[in-house]
C-alpha atoms as a PDB file:
ATOM      1  CA  UNK A   1     155.305 -22.413 -48.417  1.00  0.00           C
ATOM      2  CA  UNK A   2     155.153 -26.146 -48.931  1.00  0.00           C
ATOM      3  CA  UNK A   3     157.717 -28.365 -47.195  1.00  0.00           C
ATOM      4  CA  UNK A   4     159.080 -29.889 -50.436  1.00  0.00           C
ATOM      5  CA  UNK A   5     162.313 -28.475 -51.871  1.00  0.00           C
ATOM      6  CA  UNK A   6     163.993 -28.804 -55.252  1.00  0.00           C
ATOM      7  CA  UNK A   7     167.765 -29.242 -55.002  1.00  0.00           C
ATOM      8  CA  UNK A   8     169.573 -28.726 -58.307  1.00  0.00           C
ATOM      9  CA  UNK A   9     173.114 -28.606 -59.668  1.00  0.00           C
ATOM     10  CA  UNK A  10     174.092 -31.632 -57.602  1.00  0.00           C
ATOM     11  CA  UNK A  11     177.283 -33.542 -58.100  1.00  0.00           C
ATOM     12  CA  UNK A  12     176.584 -36.793 -59.945  1.00  0.00           C
ATOM     13  CA  UNK A  13     178.360 -38.554 -57.067  1.00  0.00           C
ATOM     14  CA  UNK A  14     175.922 -37.240 -54.425  1.00  0.00           C
ATOM     15  CA  UNK A  15     173.728 -39.840 -52.720  1.00  0.00           C
ATOM     16  CA  UNK A  16     170.433 -39.602 -50.871  1.00  0.00           C
ATOM     17  CA  UNK A  17     172.390 -40.191 -47.678  1.00  0.00           C
ATOM     18  CA  UNK A  18     174.629 -37.176 -48.440  1.00  0.00           C
ATOM     19  CA  UNK A  19     171.557 -34.979 -48.911  1.00  0.00           C
ATOM     20  CA  UNK A  20     169.951 -36.271 -45.733  1.00  0.00           C
ATOM     21  CA  UNK A  21     173.107 -35.353 -43.816  1.00  0.00           C
ATOM     22  CA  UNK A  22     173.230 -31.898 -45.431  1.00  0.00           C
ATOM     23  CA  UNK A  23     169.608 -30.955 -44.685  1.00  0.00           C
ATOM     24  CA  UNK A  24     169.013 -32.617 -41.306  1.00  0.00           C
ATOM     25  CA  UNK A  25     170.496 -29.610 -39.494  1.00  0.00           C
ATOM     26  CA  UNK A  26     167.422 -27.599 -40.548  1.00  0.00           C
ATOM     27  CA  UNK A  27     164.873 -29.963 -39.001  1.00  0.00           C
ATOM     28  CA  UNK A  28     162.965 -33.181 -39.604  1.00  0.00           C
ATOM     29  CA  UNK A  29     163.275 -34.755 -43.048  1.00  0.00           C
ATOM     30  CA  UNK A  30     160.342 -36.793 -44.342  1.00  0.00           C
ATOM     31  CA  UNK A  31     161.974 -37.972 -47.556  1.00  0.00           C
ATOM     32  CA  UNK A  32     164.887 -37.511 -49.924  1.00  0.00           C
ATOM     33  CA  UNK A  33     164.411 -38.483 -53.555  1.00  0.00           C
ATOM     34  CA  UNK A  34     167.442 -38.365 -55.841  1.00  0.00           C
ATOM     35  CA  UNK A  35     166.311 -38.431 -59.474  1.00  0.00           C
ATOM     36  CA  UNK A  36     168.174 -41.016 -61.553  1.00  0.00           C
ATOM     37  CA  UNK A  37     168.171 -42.179 -65.154  1.00  0.00           C
ATOM     38  CA  UNK A  38     165.740 -45.049 -65.648  1.00  0.00           C
ATOM     39  CA  UNK A  39     168.176 -47.201 -67.606  1.00  0.00           C
ATOM     40  CA  UNK A  40     171.660 -46.439 -66.310  1.00  0.00           C
ATOM     41  CA  UNK A  41     170.800 -45.553 -62.700  1.00  0.00           C
ATOM     42  CA  UNK A  42     173.093 -42.504 -62.995  1.00  0.00           C
ATOM     43  CA  UNK A  43     172.033 -39.391 -61.090  1.00  0.00           C
ATOM     44  CA  UNK A  44     170.465 -36.641 -63.194  1.00  0.00           C
ATOM     45  CA  UNK A  45     171.926 -33.956 -60.914  1.00  0.00           C
ATOM     46  CA  UNK A  46     168.819 -32.961 -58.988  1.00  0.00           C
ATOM     47  CA  UNK A  47     166.692 -34.188 -56.103  1.00  0.00           C
ATOM     48  CA  UNK A  48     163.653 -33.406 -53.987  1.00  0.00           C
ATOM     49  CA  UNK A  49     163.865 -33.076 -50.208  1.00  0.00           C
ATOM     50  CA  UNK A  50     160.661 -33.047 -48.183  1.00  0.00           C
ATOM     51  CA  UNK A  51     161.085 -31.376 -44.826  1.00  0.00           C
ATOM     52  CA  UNK A  52     158.888 -32.001 -41.782  1.00  0.00           C
ATOM     53  CA  UNK A  53     157.099 -28.659 -42.057  1.00  0.00           C
ATOM     54  CA  UNK A  54     157.116 -25.384 -43.961  1.00  0.00           C
ATOM     55  CA  UNK A  55     159.204 -23.569 -41.314  1.00  0.00           C
ATOM     56  CA  UNK A  56     162.010 -26.126 -41.623  1.00  0.00           C
ATOM     57  CA  UNK A  57     161.849 -25.878 -45.426  1.00  0.00           C
ATOM     58  CA  UNK A  58     162.145 -22.095 -45.176  1.00  0.00           C
ATOM     59  CA  UNK A  59     165.296 -22.476 -43.064  1.00  0.00           C
ATOM     60  CA  UNK A  60     166.751 -25.042 -45.492  1.00  0.00           C
ATOM     61  CA  UNK A  61     166.582 -22.504 -48.333  1.00  0.00           C
ATOM     62  CA  UNK A  62     169.759 -21.093 -46.757  1.00  0.00           C
ATOM     63  CA  UNK A  63     171.662 -23.811 -48.675  1.00  0.00           C
ATOM     64  CA  UNK A  64     170.877 -22.047 -51.967  1.00  0.00           C
ATOM     65  CA  UNK A  65     174.162 -20.834 -53.447  1.00  0.00           C
ATOM     66  CA  UNK A  66     176.317 -22.853 -51.048  1.00  0.00           C
ATOM     67  CA  UNK A  67     178.977 -25.212 -52.326  1.00  0.00           C
ATOM     68  CA  UNK A  68     178.373 -28.932 -51.850  1.00  0.00           C
ATOM     69  CA  UNK A  69     180.667 -31.635 -53.235  1.00  0.00           C
ATOM     70  CA  UNK A  70     182.329 -29.147 -55.572  1.00  0.00           C
ATOM     71  CA  UNK A  71     179.095 -27.687 -57.035  1.00  0.00           C
ATOM     72  CA  UNK A  72     177.052 -24.590 -56.189  1.00  0.00           C
ATOM     73  CA  UNK A  73     173.596 -25.750 -55.085  1.00  0.00           C
ATOM     74  CA  UNK A  74     170.335 -24.362 -56.436  1.00  0.00           C
ATOM     75  CA  UNK A  75     167.721 -24.840 -53.704  1.00  0.00           C
ATOM     76  CA  UNK A  76     164.159 -23.602 -54.119  1.00  0.00           C
ATOM     77  CA  UNK A  77     160.585 -24.470 -53.282  1.00  0.00           C
ATOM     78  CA  UNK A  78     159.475 -27.397 -55.449  1.00  0.00           C
ATOM     79  CA  UNK A  79     156.781 -26.614 -57.988  1.00  0.00           C
ATOM     80  CA  UNK A  80     153.758 -28.896 -58.094  1.00  0.00           C
ATOM     81  CA  UNK A  81     153.810 -31.447 -60.912  1.00  0.00           C
ATOM     82  CA  UNK A  82     152.147 -30.453 -64.175  1.00  0.00           C
ATOM     83  CA  UNK A  83     148.597 -31.642 -64.660  1.00  0.00           C
ATOM     84  CA  UNK A  84     148.036 -33.180 -68.070  1.00  0.00           C
ATOM     85  CA  UNK A  85     144.706 -32.950 -69.803  1.00  0.00           C
ATOM     86  CA  UNK A  86     143.556 -36.524 -70.283  1.00  0.00           C
ATOM     87  CA  UNK A  87     141.426 -36.217 -73.388  1.00  0.00           C
ATOM     88  CA  UNK A  88     142.407 -39.505 -74.956  1.00  0.00           C
ATOM     89  CA  UNK A  89     142.456 -38.583 -78.535  1.00  0.00           C
ATOM     90  CA  UNK A  90     144.690 -38.954 -81.359  1.00  0.00           C
ATOM     91  CA  UNK A  91     146.324 -36.449 -83.155  1.00  0.00           C
ATOM     92  CA  UNK A  92     146.198 -34.647 -86.296  1.00  0.00           C
ATOM     93  CA  UNK A  93     145.256 -37.117 -88.994  1.00  0.00           C
ATOM     94  CA  UNK A  94     142.748 -36.167 -91.674  1.00  0.00           C
ATOM     95  CA  UNK A  95     140.927 -39.465 -91.571  1.00  0.00           C
ATOM     96  CA  UNK A  96     139.365 -41.195 -94.534  1.00  0.00           C
ATOM     97  CA  UNK A  97     141.389 -42.465 -97.445  1.00  0.00           C
ATOM     98  CA  UNK A  98     145.126 -41.849 -97.521  1.00  0.00           C
ATOM     99  CA  UNK A  99     146.250 -38.801 -99.419  1.00  0.00           C
ATOM    100  CA  UNK A 100     148.511 -39.454-102.407  1.00  0.00           C
ATOM    101  CA  UNK A 101     150.223 -36.229-103.172  1.00  0.00           C
ATOM    102  CA  UNK A 102     150.064 -35.688-106.901  1.00  0.00           C
ATOM    103  CA  UNK A 103     149.637 -39.328-107.944  1.00  0.00           C
ATOM    104  CA  UNK A 104     146.509 -41.304-108.483  1.00  0.00           C
ATOM    105  CA  UNK A 105     146.442 -44.465-106.446  1.00  0.00           C
ATOM    106  CA  UNK A 106     146.026 -47.797-108.213  1.00  0.00           C
ATOM    107  CA  UNK A 107     142.874 -49.485-106.991  1.00  0.00           C
END
């Protein structure tokens, strides 16, 4: 198990400090990252908590299903980020002259 946890169904009022306090009883915390909207700064209702080691992360899974700030938490092992295929290409055009559906173009 990796030491990074996904914490979902958070109250929009929860802060990184609140999460640090909640999870510190399970061991060392390397980082807490509350995901927020890029424009408004409002919480999106989930976060990532990186524990000091896999054993501490395993213990912290005990918070799954517990109530925190009026919401039932969803805590699980974080999935690795998706890898995107970087084939730099465009998409889907037919190339050449533009198609004029049913009409002849005036040239």
